[in-house]
Amino acid sequence: MSDKSKDTNINPEELTFNTSDRFDEILSSLSNTQRRRIISHLQEEGSASQSEIAHQLVRWNYDSPPDEVSDKAVERIKINLHHEHLPQLEDAGLIEYDRRSKMLLVRDLPELAEVCLDHCESVDLPS
């Protein structure tokens, strides 16, 4: 069987389903303000540690320096990052997260993610 005949056996409905699933995954990941803020921060910085992201989120969430926010609040953000936000962004293929070093890196974002982030930026990021 030639390679050309293999190509003709692709089911277009299956491709549409996979693309639709990918869109759903990206949109679901970006439906949360915290996750959009994480991506925006990583786009600016290139990479960051989980701790740096947590402290940046504290600054945005509480509109105050991290040293004025309780350790309990910072720890709660770190736990949410580890168990919820970072895995979802990683599963959607938007970031790389090394659990051992706790370093994050933004990937080349799909156009859909870029459009969503651009649209939400003025609302999500405090001035």
N, C-alpha and C. Protein backbone atom coordinates (compact mmCIF):
# COMPACT_ATOMS: atom_id res chain seq x y z
N MET A 1 0.85 -1.17 0.00
CA MET A 1 0.00 0.00 0.00
C MET A 1 0.89 1.23 0.00
N SER A 2 0.61 2.17 -0.87
CA SER A 2 1.44 3.38 -0.96
C SER A 2 1.03 4.38 0.12
N ASP A 3 1.90 5.36 0.36
CA ASP A 3 1.60 6.41 1.34
C ASP A 3 0.38 7.22 0.94
N LYS A 4 0.17 7.41 -0.38
CA LYS A 4 -0.98 8.17 -0.85
C LYS A 4 -2.29 7.49 -0.46
N SER A 5 -2.33 6.18 -0.58
CA SER A 5 -3.57 5.48 -0.24
C SER A 5 -3.83 5.53 1.27
N LYS A 6 -2.78 5.57 2.08
CA LYS A 6 -2.95 5.72 3.52
C LYS A 6 -3.61 7.06 3.83
N ASP A 7 -3.18 8.13 3.15
CA ASP A 7 -3.72 9.46 3.38
C ASP A 7 -5.21 9.54 3.08
N THR A 8 -5.67 8.79 2.09
CA THR A 8 -7.08 8.85 1.72
C THR A 8 -7.97 8.13 2.72
N ASN A 9 -7.38 7.36 3.63
CA ASN A 9 -8.16 6.65 4.64
C ASN A 9 -8.41 7.49 5.89
N ILE A 10 -7.99 8.73 5.91
CA ILE A 10 -8.21 9.60 7.06
C ILE A 10 -9.67 10.01 7.10
N ASN A 11 -10.27 9.86 8.24
CA ASN A 11 -11.66 10.22 8.43
C ASN A 11 -11.75 11.71 8.80
N PRO A 12 -12.33 12.55 7.92
CA PRO A 12 -12.41 13.99 8.21
C PRO A 12 -13.20 14.29 9.49
N GLU A 13 -14.20 13.50 9.81
CA GLU A 13 -14.97 13.72 11.04
C GLU A 13 -14.09 13.54 12.27
N GLU A 14 -13.17 12.60 12.20
CA GLU A 14 -12.26 12.36 13.31
C GLU A 14 -11.33 13.57 13.50
N LEU A 15 -10.85 14.15 12.41
CA LEU A 15 -10.00 15.32 12.49
C LEU A 15 -10.76 16.50 13.09
N THR A 16 -11.99 16.70 12.68
CA THR A 16 -12.80 17.78 13.22
C THR A 16 -13.02 17.58 14.72
N PHE A 17 -13.29 16.37 15.13
CA PHE A 17 -13.50 16.07 16.53
C PHE A 17 -12.25 16.40 17.34
N ASN A 18 -11.08 16.00 16.85
CA ASN A 18 -9.83 16.27 17.55
C ASN A 18 -9.57 17.77 17.63
N THR A 19 -9.82 18.50 16.56
CA THR A 19 -9.63 19.94 16.56
C THR A 19 -10.60 20.59 17.53
N SER A 20 -11.83 20.15 17.54
CA SER A 20 -12.83 20.68 18.46
C SER A 20 -12.43 20.41 19.90
N ASP A 21 -11.93 19.22 20.18
CA ASP A 21 -11.45 18.90 21.53
C ASP A 21 -10.32 19.83 21.94
N ARG A 22 -9.42 20.09 21.02
CA ARG A 22 -8.28 20.99 21.30
C ARG A 22 -8.79 22.40 21.61
N PHE A 23 -9.75 22.89 20.82
CA PHE A 23 -10.33 24.21 21.09
C PHE A 23 -10.97 24.23 22.47
N ASP A 24 -11.73 23.19 22.80
CA ASP A 24 -12.39 23.12 24.11
C ASP A 24 -11.36 23.15 25.24
N GLU A 25 -10.28 22.42 25.06
CA GLU A 25 -9.24 22.35 26.08
C GLU A 25 -8.58 23.72 26.28
N ILE A 26 -8.28 24.41 25.19
CA ILE A 26 -7.67 25.74 25.27
C ILE A 26 -8.63 26.73 25.91
N LEU A 27 -9.88 26.74 25.43
CA LEU A 27 -10.86 27.68 25.97
C LEU A 27 -11.15 27.41 27.44
N SER A 28 -11.22 26.15 27.81
CA SER A 28 -11.44 25.80 29.21
C SER A 28 -10.28 26.29 30.07
N SER A 29 -9.08 26.11 29.59
CA SER A 29 -7.90 26.56 30.34
C SER A 29 -7.88 28.07 30.50
N LEU A 30 -8.29 28.77 29.48
CA LEU A 30 -8.23 30.23 29.51
C LEU A 30 -9.51 30.86 30.06
N SER A 31 -10.45 30.05 30.52
CA SER A 31 -11.69 30.57 31.08
C SER A 31 -11.50 31.12 32.49
N ASN A 32 -10.33 30.92 33.06
CA ASN A 32 -10.05 31.33 34.42
C ASN A 32 -9.07 32.50 34.42
N THR A 33 -9.40 33.56 35.15
CA THR A 33 -8.57 34.77 35.21
C THR A 33 -7.16 34.44 35.70
N GLN A 34 -7.04 33.59 36.72
CA GLN A 34 -5.72 33.27 37.27
C GLN A 34 -4.83 32.63 36.20
N ARG A 35 -5.40 31.72 35.43
CA ARG A 35 -4.61 31.05 34.39
C ARG A 35 -4.20 32.03 33.29
N ARG A 36 -5.11 32.95 32.93
CA ARG A 36 -4.74 33.95 31.93
C ARG A 36 -3.62 34.84 32.46
N ARG A 37 -3.68 35.17 33.74
CA ARG A 37 -2.62 36.00 34.34
C ARG A 37 -1.29 35.25 34.36
N ILE A 38 -1.33 33.96 34.63
CA ILE A 38 -0.11 33.16 34.61
C ILE A 38 0.53 33.20 33.23
N ILE A 39 -0.28 32.97 32.20
CA ILE A 39 0.24 33.00 30.82
C ILE A 39 0.80 34.38 30.49
N SER A 40 0.09 35.43 30.84
CA SER A 40 0.55 36.80 30.56
C SER A 40 1.90 37.07 31.23
N HIS A 41 2.02 36.65 32.47
CA HIS A 41 3.28 36.85 33.18
C HIS A 41 4.41 36.08 32.50
N LEU A 42 4.14 34.84 32.13
CA LEU A 42 5.17 34.05 31.47
C LEU A 42 5.53 34.62 30.10
N GLN A 43 4.57 35.21 29.40
CA GLN A 43 4.87 35.82 28.12
C GLN A 43 5.83 37.00 28.31
N GLU A 44 5.64 37.75 29.38
CA GLU A 44 6.52 38.89 29.66
C GLU A 44 7.90 38.44 30.11
N GLU A 45 7.96 37.44 30.97
CA GLU A 45 9.21 37.02 31.60
C GLU A 45 9.92 35.89 30.86
N GLY A 46 9.20 35.13 30.06
CA GLY A 46 9.80 33.98 29.38
C GLY A 46 9.70 32.71 30.20
N SER A 47 10.09 32.79 31.46
CA SER A 47 9.96 31.66 32.38
C SER A 47 9.87 32.22 33.79
N ALA A 48 9.42 31.40 34.72
CA ALA A 48 9.32 31.82 36.12
C ALA A 48 9.17 30.58 36.98
N SER A 49 9.51 30.72 38.23
CA SER A 49 9.30 29.62 39.17
C SER A 49 7.86 29.66 39.67
N GLN A 50 7.42 28.56 40.21
CA GLN A 50 6.08 28.50 40.78
C GLN A 50 5.94 29.55 41.88
N SER A 51 6.97 29.74 42.66
CA SER A 51 6.95 30.72 43.74
C SER A 51 6.82 32.14 43.18
N GLU A 52 7.55 32.45 42.11
CA GLU A 52 7.45 33.78 41.49
C GLU A 52 6.04 34.02 40.98
N ILE A 53 5.46 33.02 40.35
CA ILE A 53 4.08 33.15 39.86
C ILE A 53 3.13 33.39 41.03
N ALA A 54 3.30 32.63 42.10
CA ALA A 54 2.42 32.80 43.27
C ALA A 54 2.52 34.21 43.82
N HIS A 55 3.72 34.73 43.93
CA HIS A 55 3.89 36.09 44.45
C HIS A 55 3.31 37.14 43.51
N GLN A 56 3.43 36.91 42.22
CA GLN A 56 2.82 37.85 41.26
C GLN A 56 1.30 37.82 41.39
N LEU A 57 0.73 36.63 41.51
CA LEU A 57 -0.71 36.52 41.69
C LEU A 57 -1.17 37.20 42.98
N VAL A 58 -0.38 37.09 44.04
CA VAL A 58 -0.70 37.78 45.29
C VAL A 58 -0.76 39.29 45.05
N ARG A 59 0.23 39.81 44.35
CA ARG A 59 0.23 41.27 44.05
C ARG A 59 -1.03 41.66 43.31
N TRP A 60 -1.43 40.85 42.32
CA TRP A 60 -2.62 41.18 41.54
C TRP A 60 -3.91 40.94 42.33
N ASN A 61 -4.00 39.83 43.02
CA ASN A 61 -5.24 39.47 43.73
C ASN A 61 -5.53 40.39 44.91
N TYR A 62 -4.48 40.75 45.63
CA TYR A 62 -4.68 41.53 46.85
C TYR A 62 -4.31 42.99 46.67
N ASP A 63 -3.83 43.35 45.48
CA ASP A 63 -3.43 44.71 45.18
C ASP A 63 -2.53 45.28 46.27
N SER A 64 -1.60 44.47 46.71
CA SER A 64 -0.65 44.89 47.73
C SER A 64 0.63 44.06 47.61
N PRO A 65 1.71 44.54 48.19
CA PRO A 65 2.96 43.78 48.15
C PRO A 65 2.80 42.44 48.89
N PRO A 66 3.52 41.42 48.42
CA PRO A 66 3.39 40.09 49.04
C PRO A 66 3.71 40.09 50.54
N ASP A 67 4.62 40.96 50.98
CA ASP A 67 4.96 40.95 52.41
C ASP A 67 3.83 41.49 53.28
N GLU A 68 2.81 42.09 52.67
CA GLU A 68 1.65 42.56 53.42
C GLU A 68 0.49 41.56 53.38
N VAL A 69 0.70 40.44 52.72
CA VAL A 69 -0.32 39.40 52.61
C VAL A 69 0.11 38.23 53.50
N SER A 70 -0.84 37.62 54.15
CA SER A 70 -0.51 36.53 55.08
C SER A 70 0.15 35.36 54.36
N ASP A 71 1.01 34.68 55.09
CA ASP A 71 1.66 33.48 54.55
C ASP A 71 0.63 32.43 54.16
N LYS A 72 -0.47 32.41 54.90
CA LYS A 72 -1.54 31.45 54.62
C LYS A 72 -2.15 31.71 53.24
N ALA A 73 -2.34 32.98 52.88
CA ALA A 73 -2.89 33.33 51.56
C ALA A 73 -1.93 32.94 50.45
N VAL A 74 -0.63 33.19 50.65
CA VAL A 74 0.38 32.82 49.65
C VAL A 74 0.41 31.30 49.49
N GLU A 75 0.36 30.58 50.60
CA GLU A 75 0.38 29.12 50.54
C GLU A 75 -0.85 28.57 49.82
N ARG A 76 -2.00 29.19 50.05
CA ARG A 76 -3.23 28.77 49.38
C ARG A 76 -3.11 28.94 47.86
N ILE A 77 -2.49 30.03 47.44
CA ILE A 77 -2.28 30.26 46.00
C ILE A 77 -1.32 29.21 45.44
N LYS A 78 -0.26 28.90 46.16
CA LYS A 78 0.69 27.89 45.70
C LYS A 78 0.02 26.53 45.55
N ILE A 79 -0.83 26.19 46.49
CA ILE A 79 -1.54 24.91 46.42
C ILE A 79 -2.47 24.88 45.21
N ASN A 80 -3.21 25.97 44.98
CA ASN A 80 -4.07 26.05 43.80
C ASN A 80 -3.27 25.96 42.51
N LEU A 81 -2.12 26.60 42.48
CA LEU A 81 -1.26 26.51 41.30
C LEU A 81 -0.88 25.06 41.05
N HIS A 82 -0.38 24.41 42.07
CA HIS A 82 0.15 23.05 41.92
C HIS A 82 -0.92 22.03 41.54
N HIS A 83 -2.08 22.14 42.15
CA HIS A 83 -3.10 21.12 41.96
C HIS A 83 -4.12 21.44 40.88
N GLU A 84 -4.29 22.69 40.54
CA GLU A 84 -5.35 23.06 39.60
C GLU A 84 -4.81 23.78 38.35
N HIS A 85 -4.28 24.97 38.55
CA HIS A 85 -3.98 25.83 37.41
C HIS A 85 -2.84 25.33 36.52
N LEU A 86 -1.72 24.98 37.11
CA LEU A 86 -0.58 24.56 36.29
C LEU A 86 -0.85 23.25 35.54
N PRO A 87 -1.43 22.24 36.17
CA PRO A 87 -1.74 21.02 35.41
C PRO A 87 -2.70 21.28 34.24
N GLN A 88 -3.69 22.14 34.45
CA GLN A 88 -4.64 22.40 33.37
C GLN A 88 -3.95 23.12 32.21
N LEU A 89 -3.11 24.09 32.51
CA LEU A 89 -2.38 24.79 31.45
C LEU A 89 -1.40 23.86 30.74
N GLU A 90 -0.79 22.99 31.50
CA GLU A 90 0.14 22.03 30.91
C GLU A 90 -0.60 21.02 30.03
N ASP A 91 -1.71 20.50 30.52
CA ASP A 91 -2.50 19.54 29.74
C ASP A 91 -3.00 20.15 28.44
N ALA A 92 -3.28 21.44 28.45
CA ALA A 92 -3.74 22.13 27.24
C ALA A 92 -2.58 22.46 26.30
N GLY A 93 -1.35 22.17 26.74
CA GLY A 93 -0.18 22.42 25.90
C GLY A 93 0.21 23.89 25.84
N LEU A 94 -0.18 24.68 26.84
CA LEU A 94 0.11 26.10 26.82
C LEU A 94 1.39 26.45 27.59
N ILE A 95 1.75 25.61 28.55
CA ILE A 95 2.99 25.82 29.30
C ILE A 95 3.71 24.49 29.45
N GLU A 96 4.97 24.60 29.82
CA GLU A 96 5.74 23.45 30.27
C GLU A 96 6.01 23.69 31.75
N TYR A 97 5.76 22.66 32.55
CA TYR A 97 5.95 22.78 33.99
C TYR A 97 6.80 21.62 34.48
N ASP A 98 7.98 21.94 34.97
CA ASP A 98 8.88 20.93 35.52
C ASP A 98 8.60 20.83 37.02
N ARG A 99 7.99 19.75 37.44
CA ARG A 99 7.57 19.59 38.83
C ARG A 99 8.76 19.49 39.79
N ARG A 100 9.87 19.00 39.31
CA ARG A 100 11.04 18.88 40.19
C ARG A 100 11.65 20.24 40.49
N SER A 101 11.86 21.04 39.45
CA SER A 101 12.47 22.36 39.66
C SER A 101 11.41 23.43 39.94
N LYS A 102 10.14 23.08 39.69
CA LYS A 102 9.01 24.00 39.85
C LYS A 102 9.15 25.24 38.95
N MET A 103 9.75 25.03 37.78
CA MET A 103 9.91 26.11 36.81
C MET A 103 8.85 25.98 35.72
N LEU A 104 8.40 27.13 35.24
CA LEU A 104 7.37 27.18 34.21
C LEU A 104 7.92 27.94 33.00
N LEU A 105 7.47 27.50 31.84
CA LEU A 105 7.87 28.10 30.58
C LEU A 105 6.66 28.13 29.68
N VAL A 106 6.41 29.29 29.07
CA VAL A 106 5.27 29.38 28.15
C VAL A 106 5.69 28.79 26.81
N ARG A 107 4.79 28.10 26.18
CA ARG A 107 5.04 27.52 24.86
C ARG A 107 4.62 28.52 23.79
N ASP A 108 4.91 28.18 22.53
CA ASP A 108 4.35 28.96 21.43
C ASP A 108 2.85 28.73 21.46
N LEU A 109 2.12 29.80 21.70
CA LEU A 109 0.68 29.66 21.88
C LEU A 109 -0.04 29.56 20.55
N PRO A 110 -1.07 28.72 20.50
CA PRO A 110 -1.90 28.66 19.30
C PRO A 110 -2.61 30.01 19.11
N GLU A 111 -2.99 30.28 17.88
CA GLU A 111 -3.64 31.55 17.56
C GLU A 111 -4.89 31.78 18.42
N LEU A 112 -5.67 30.74 18.65
CA LEU A 112 -6.87 30.86 19.47
C LEU A 112 -6.53 31.38 20.87
N ALA A 113 -5.47 30.87 21.47
CA ALA A 113 -5.06 31.32 22.80
C ALA A 113 -4.61 32.78 22.76
N GLU A 114 -3.85 33.14 21.75
CA GLU A 114 -3.39 34.54 21.60
C GLU A 114 -4.57 35.50 21.50
N VAL A 115 -5.57 35.15 20.69
CA VAL A 115 -6.75 36.00 20.52
C VAL A 115 -7.49 36.15 21.84
N CYS A 116 -7.68 35.06 22.56
CA CYS A 116 -8.37 35.10 23.86
C CYS A 116 -7.60 35.98 24.85
N LEU A 117 -6.31 35.79 24.92
CA LEU A 117 -5.50 36.56 25.86
C LEU A 117 -5.50 38.04 25.51
N ASP A 118 -5.38 38.36 24.24
CA ASP A 118 -5.42 39.76 23.81
C ASP A 118 -6.75 40.40 24.18
N HIS A 119 -7.82 39.67 23.97
CA HIS A 119 -9.15 40.19 24.24
C HIS A 119 -9.36 40.46 25.73
N CYS A 120 -8.82 39.60 26.57
CA CYS A 120 -9.06 39.69 28.03
C CYS A 120 -8.03 40.52 28.77
N GLU A 121 -6.93 40.87 28.13
CA GLU A 121 -5.81 41.51 28.83
C GLU A 121 -6.19 42.77 29.59
N SER A 122 -6.95 43.66 29.00
CA SER A 122 -7.26 44.92 29.67
C SER A 122 -8.12 44.71 30.92
N VAL A 123 -8.89 43.64 30.95
CA VAL A 123 -9.75 43.35 32.10
C VAL A 123 -8.98 42.57 33.16
N ASP A 124 -8.10 41.68 32.75
CA ASP A 124 -7.42 40.76 33.67
C ASP A 124 -6.28 41.39 34.45
N LEU A 125 -5.52 42.27 33.80
CA LEU A 125 -4.29 42.75 34.43
C LEU A 125 -4.49 44.13 35.04
N PRO A 126 -4.31 44.22 36.34
CA PRO A 126 -4.47 45.53 37.00
C PRO A 126 -3.44 46.51 36.44
N SER A 127 -3.84 47.77 36.37
CA SER A 127 -2.91 48.78 35.82
C SER A 127 -1.96 49.28 36.87
